[in-house]
Amino acid sequence: MAHVDKDPDAGHYRADSAPIYKELHETAEFAELRKKYRGWAIPATVAFLVWYLLYVVLSNWAPGLMGIKVIGNINIALVLGLLQFVTTFGIAYLYAKHSSKALDPLATSLGERYAREAGQ
C-alpha cells in the first residue's frame, strides 16, 4: 500500500508522493484517454477560435456586410453574434456527450486503479 502525503498548502495530493501516478501515466489506458481528449478538444477549440475571430475580422473590416439588414432592424452582425452563444452551448453539449461516452469510462477505470493501488 503506497503512502500518499497530502500537501496542506495546495489542498491536493502531490504527484511525487505516490508512485502510482507515474505508473498510471505510463499505461496504454492513460495514453488512450489523453489521445481521445486531445482528438476532440483541440479541433473543437481551433474551430471555435476561427469562428470567433471571423466574427471580429468581419466586424472590423466588413462593416457593410455586417450591417446588412436581415429582418427589420436585425442585421448580420447581430445574427452572427447570437450564433456565438449557440455555438458555445452546442460545443459544451457535444463535449459532454463525447466525454460521457469516450472519456469517462477510461477515467473511471484509471481512478479505480489509483484508489486500489494507493490504498484509498
C-alpha atoms as a PDB file:
ATOM      1  CA  MET A   1       0.000   0.000   0.000  1.00  0.00           C
ATOM      2  CA  ALA A   2       1.517   3.323  -1.077  1.00  0.00           C
ATOM      3  CA  HIS A   3       1.731   6.200   1.342  1.00  0.00           C
ATOM      4  CA  VAL A   4       0.257   9.403  -0.053  1.00  0.00           C
ATOM      5  CA  ASP A   5       1.087  12.721   1.578  1.00  0.00           C
ATOM      6  CA  LYS A   6      -1.431  15.475   1.332  1.00  0.00           C
ATOM      7  CA  ASP A   7       0.067  18.837   0.508  1.00  0.00           C
ATOM      8  CA  PRO A   8      -1.594  21.182   3.021  1.00  0.00           C
ATOM      9  CA  ASP A   9      -0.739  24.305   1.023  1.00  0.00           C
ATOM     10  CA  ALA A  10      -2.148  23.149  -2.291  1.00  0.00           C
ATOM     11  CA  GLY A  11      -5.087  21.169  -0.922  1.00  0.00           C
ATOM     12  CA  HIS A  12      -4.391  18.166  -3.138  1.00  0.00           C
ATOM     13  CA  TYR A  13      -2.109  15.167  -3.292  1.00  0.00           C
ATOM     14  CA  ARG A  14       1.416  15.684  -4.532  1.00  0.00           C
ATOM     15  CA  ALA A  15       2.190  13.642  -7.624  1.00  0.00           C
ATOM     16  CA  ASP A  16       5.642  12.723  -6.347  1.00  0.00           C
ATOM     17  CA  SER A  17       4.270  11.231  -3.139  1.00  0.00           C
ATOM     18  CA  ALA A  18       2.637   8.201  -4.778  1.00  0.00           C
ATOM     19  CA  PRO A  19       4.447   6.037  -7.341  1.00  0.00           C
ATOM     20  CA  ILE A  20       1.070   5.062  -8.767  1.00  0.00           C
ATOM     21  CA  TYR A  21       0.840   8.454 -10.506  1.00  0.00           C
ATOM     22  CA  LYS A  22       3.891   7.692 -12.645  1.00  0.00           C
ATOM     23  CA  GLU A  23       2.718   4.114 -13.268  1.00  0.00           C
ATOM     24  CA  LEU A  24      -0.736   5.251 -14.403  1.00  0.00           C
ATOM     25  CA  HIS A  25       0.743   7.979 -16.577  1.00  0.00           C
ATOM     26  CA  GLU A  26       2.731   5.377 -18.479  1.00  0.00           C
ATOM     27  CA  THR A  27      -0.193   2.993 -19.159  1.00  0.00           C
ATOM     28  CA  ALA A  28      -1.808   2.490 -22.539  1.00  0.00           C
ATOM     29  CA  GLU A  29      -5.166   3.414 -20.996  1.00  0.00           C
ATOM     30  CA  PHE A  30      -3.888   6.836 -19.938  1.00  0.00           C
ATOM     31  CA  ALA A  31      -2.358   7.423 -23.373  1.00  0.00           C
ATOM     32  CA  GLU A  32      -5.691   6.472 -24.966  1.00  0.00           C
ATOM     33  CA  LEU A  33      -7.576   8.804 -22.617  1.00  0.00           C
ATOM     34  CA  ARG A  34      -5.242  11.664 -23.454  1.00  0.00           C
ATOM     35  CA  LYS A  35      -5.457  10.912 -27.198  1.00  0.00           C
ATOM     36  CA  LYS A  36      -9.269  10.836 -27.158  1.00  0.00           C
ATOM     37  CA  TYR A  37      -9.429  14.057 -25.135  1.00  0.00           C
ATOM     38  CA  ARG A  38      -6.975  15.910 -27.344  1.00  0.00           C
ATOM     39  CA  GLY A  39      -8.529  14.475 -30.504  1.00  0.00           C
ATOM     40  CA  TRP A  40     -11.782  16.204 -29.610  1.00  0.00           C
ATOM     41  CA  ALA A  41     -10.732  19.241 -27.594  1.00  0.00           C
ATOM     42  CA  ILE A  42      -8.019  20.612 -29.870  1.00  0.00           C
ATOM     43  CA  PRO A  43     -10.046  20.609 -33.123  1.00  0.00           C
ATOM     44  CA  ALA A  44     -13.129  21.970 -31.321  1.00  0.00           C
ATOM     45  CA  THR A  45     -11.078  24.750 -29.739  1.00  0.00           C
ATOM     46  CA  VAL A  46      -9.408  25.674 -33.033  1.00  0.00           C
ATOM     47  CA  ALA A  47     -12.755  25.644 -34.872  1.00  0.00           C
ATOM     48  CA  PHE A  48     -14.384  27.856 -32.257  1.00  0.00           C
ATOM     49  CA  LEU A  49     -11.474  30.314 -32.206  1.00  0.00           C
ATOM     50  CA  VAL A  50     -11.534  30.572 -36.003  1.00  0.00           C
ATOM     51  CA  TRP A  51     -15.306  31.172 -35.880  1.00  0.00           C
ATOM     52  CA  TYR A  52     -14.890  33.802 -33.139  1.00  0.00           C
ATOM     53  CA  LEU A  53     -12.031  35.569 -34.929  1.00  0.00           C
ATOM     54  CA  LEU A  54     -14.005  35.527 -38.185  1.00  0.00           C
ATOM     55  CA  TYR A  55     -16.714  37.493 -36.389  1.00  0.00           C
ATOM     56  CA  VAL A  56     -14.145  40.008 -35.105  1.00  0.00           C
ATOM     57  CA  VAL A  57     -12.500  40.335 -38.528  1.00  0.00           C
ATOM     58  CA  LEU A  58     -15.833  40.827 -40.286  1.00  0.00           C
ATOM     59  CA  SER A  59     -16.860  43.402 -37.689  1.00  0.00           C
ATOM     60  CA  ASN A  60     -13.662  45.363 -38.267  1.00  0.00           C
ATOM     61  CA  TRP A  61     -13.089  45.030 -41.982  1.00  0.00           C
ATOM     62  CA  ALA A  62     -16.510  44.294 -43.451  1.00  0.00           C
ATOM     63  CA  PRO A  63     -18.912  46.710 -41.768  1.00  0.00           C
ATOM     64  CA  GLY A  64     -21.009  46.888 -44.937  1.00  0.00           C
ATOM     65  CA  LEU A  65     -21.611  43.147 -44.833  1.00  0.00           C
ATOM     66  CA  MET A  66     -22.258  43.098 -41.104  1.00  0.00           C
ATOM     67  CA  GLY A  67     -24.712  45.971 -41.420  1.00  0.00           C
ATOM     68  CA  ILE A  68     -26.948  44.241 -43.950  1.00  0.00           C
ATOM     69  CA  LYS A  69     -30.469  44.018 -42.556  1.00  0.00           C
ATOM     70  CA  VAL A  70     -31.905  40.513 -42.392  1.00  0.00           C
ATOM     71  CA  ILE A  71     -35.326  41.149 -40.813  1.00  0.00           C
ATOM     72  CA  GLY A  72     -36.388  44.592 -39.656  1.00  0.00           C
ATOM     73  CA  ASN A  73     -33.535  46.105 -37.640  1.00  0.00           C
ATOM     74  CA  ILE A  74     -31.807  42.750 -37.172  1.00  0.00           C
ATOM     75  CA  ASN A  75     -28.582  42.718 -39.150  1.00  0.00           C
ATOM     76  CA  ILE A  76     -25.989  40.065 -39.961  1.00  0.00           C
ATOM     77  CA  ALA A  77     -23.746  41.228 -37.112  1.00  0.00           C
ATOM     78  CA  LEU A  78     -26.477  40.576 -34.551  1.00  0.00           C
ATOM     79  CA  VAL A  79     -27.299  37.172 -36.034  1.00  0.00           C
ATOM     80  CA  LEU A  80     -23.639  36.116 -36.062  1.00  0.00           C
ATOM     81  CA  GLY A  81     -23.139  37.479 -32.538  1.00  0.00           C
ATOM     82  CA  LEU A  82     -26.083  35.464 -31.229  1.00  0.00           C
ATOM     83  CA  LEU A  83     -24.789  32.396 -33.055  1.00  0.00           C
ATOM     84  CA  GLN A  84     -21.628  32.709 -30.941  1.00  0.00           C
ATOM     85  CA  PHE A  85     -23.770  31.847 -27.900  1.00  0.00           C
ATOM     86  CA  VAL A  86     -25.464  28.986 -29.725  1.00  0.00           C
ATOM     87  CA  THR A  87     -22.068  27.653 -30.762  1.00  0.00           C
ATOM     88  CA  THR A  88     -20.750  27.846 -27.205  1.00  0.00           C
ATOM     89  CA  PHE A  89     -23.673  25.884 -25.786  1.00  0.00           C
ATOM     90  CA  GLY A  90     -23.518  23.442 -28.696  1.00  0.00           C
ATOM     91  CA  ILE A  91     -19.854  22.716 -28.103  1.00  0.00           C
ATOM     92  CA  ALA A  92     -20.481  22.240 -24.375  1.00  0.00           C
ATOM     93  CA  TYR A  93     -23.319  19.801 -25.131  1.00  0.00           C
ATOM     94  CA  LEU A  94     -21.281  17.855 -27.688  1.00  0.00           C
ATOM     95  CA  TYR A  95     -18.284  17.697 -25.346  1.00  0.00           C
ATOM     96  CA  ALA A  96     -20.460  16.365 -22.522  1.00  0.00           C
ATOM     97  CA  LYS A  97     -21.755  13.624 -24.839  1.00  0.00           C
ATOM     98  CA  HIS A  98     -18.242  12.799 -26.040  1.00  0.00           C
ATOM     99  CA  SER A  99     -16.893  12.822 -22.514  1.00  0.00           C
ATOM    100  CA  SER A 100     -19.527  10.511 -21.083  1.00  0.00           C
ATOM    101  CA  LYS A 101     -19.168   8.086 -23.981  1.00  0.00           C
ATOM    102  CA  ALA A 102     -15.422   8.063 -24.674  1.00  0.00           C
ATOM    103  CA  LEU A 103     -13.579   9.637 -21.736  1.00  0.00           C
ATOM    104  CA  ASP A 104     -15.493   8.832 -18.554  1.00  0.00           C
ATOM    105  CA  PRO A 105     -15.185   5.026 -18.799  1.00  0.00           C
ATOM    106  CA  LEU A 106     -11.399   5.288 -19.196  1.00  0.00           C
ATOM    107  CA  ALA A 107     -11.075   7.894 -16.453  1.00  0.00           C
ATOM    108  CA  THR A 108     -13.234   5.838 -14.103  1.00  0.00           C
ATOM    109  CA  SER A 109     -11.100   2.756 -14.747  1.00  0.00           C
ATOM    110  CA  LEU A 110      -7.902   4.693 -14.072  1.00  0.00           C
ATOM    111  CA  GLY A 111      -9.435   6.286 -10.976  1.00  0.00           C
ATOM    112  CA  GLU A 112     -10.452   2.912  -9.594  1.00  0.00           C
ATOM    113  CA  ARG A 113      -6.979   1.540 -10.238  1.00  0.00           C
ATOM    114  CA  TYR A 114      -5.455   4.545  -8.500  1.00  0.00           C
ATOM    115  CA  ALA A 115      -7.734   4.126  -5.475  1.00  0.00           C
ATOM    116  CA  ARG A 116      -6.953   0.413  -5.297  1.00  0.00           C
ATOM    117  CA  GLU A 117      -3.197   0.795  -5.563  1.00  0.00           C
ATOM    118  CA  ALA A 118      -2.871   3.946  -3.466  1.00  0.00           C
ATOM    119  CA  GLY A 119      -4.960   2.388  -0.726  1.00  0.00           C
ATOM    120  CA  GLN A 120      -7.803   4.881  -0.742  1.00  0.00           C
END
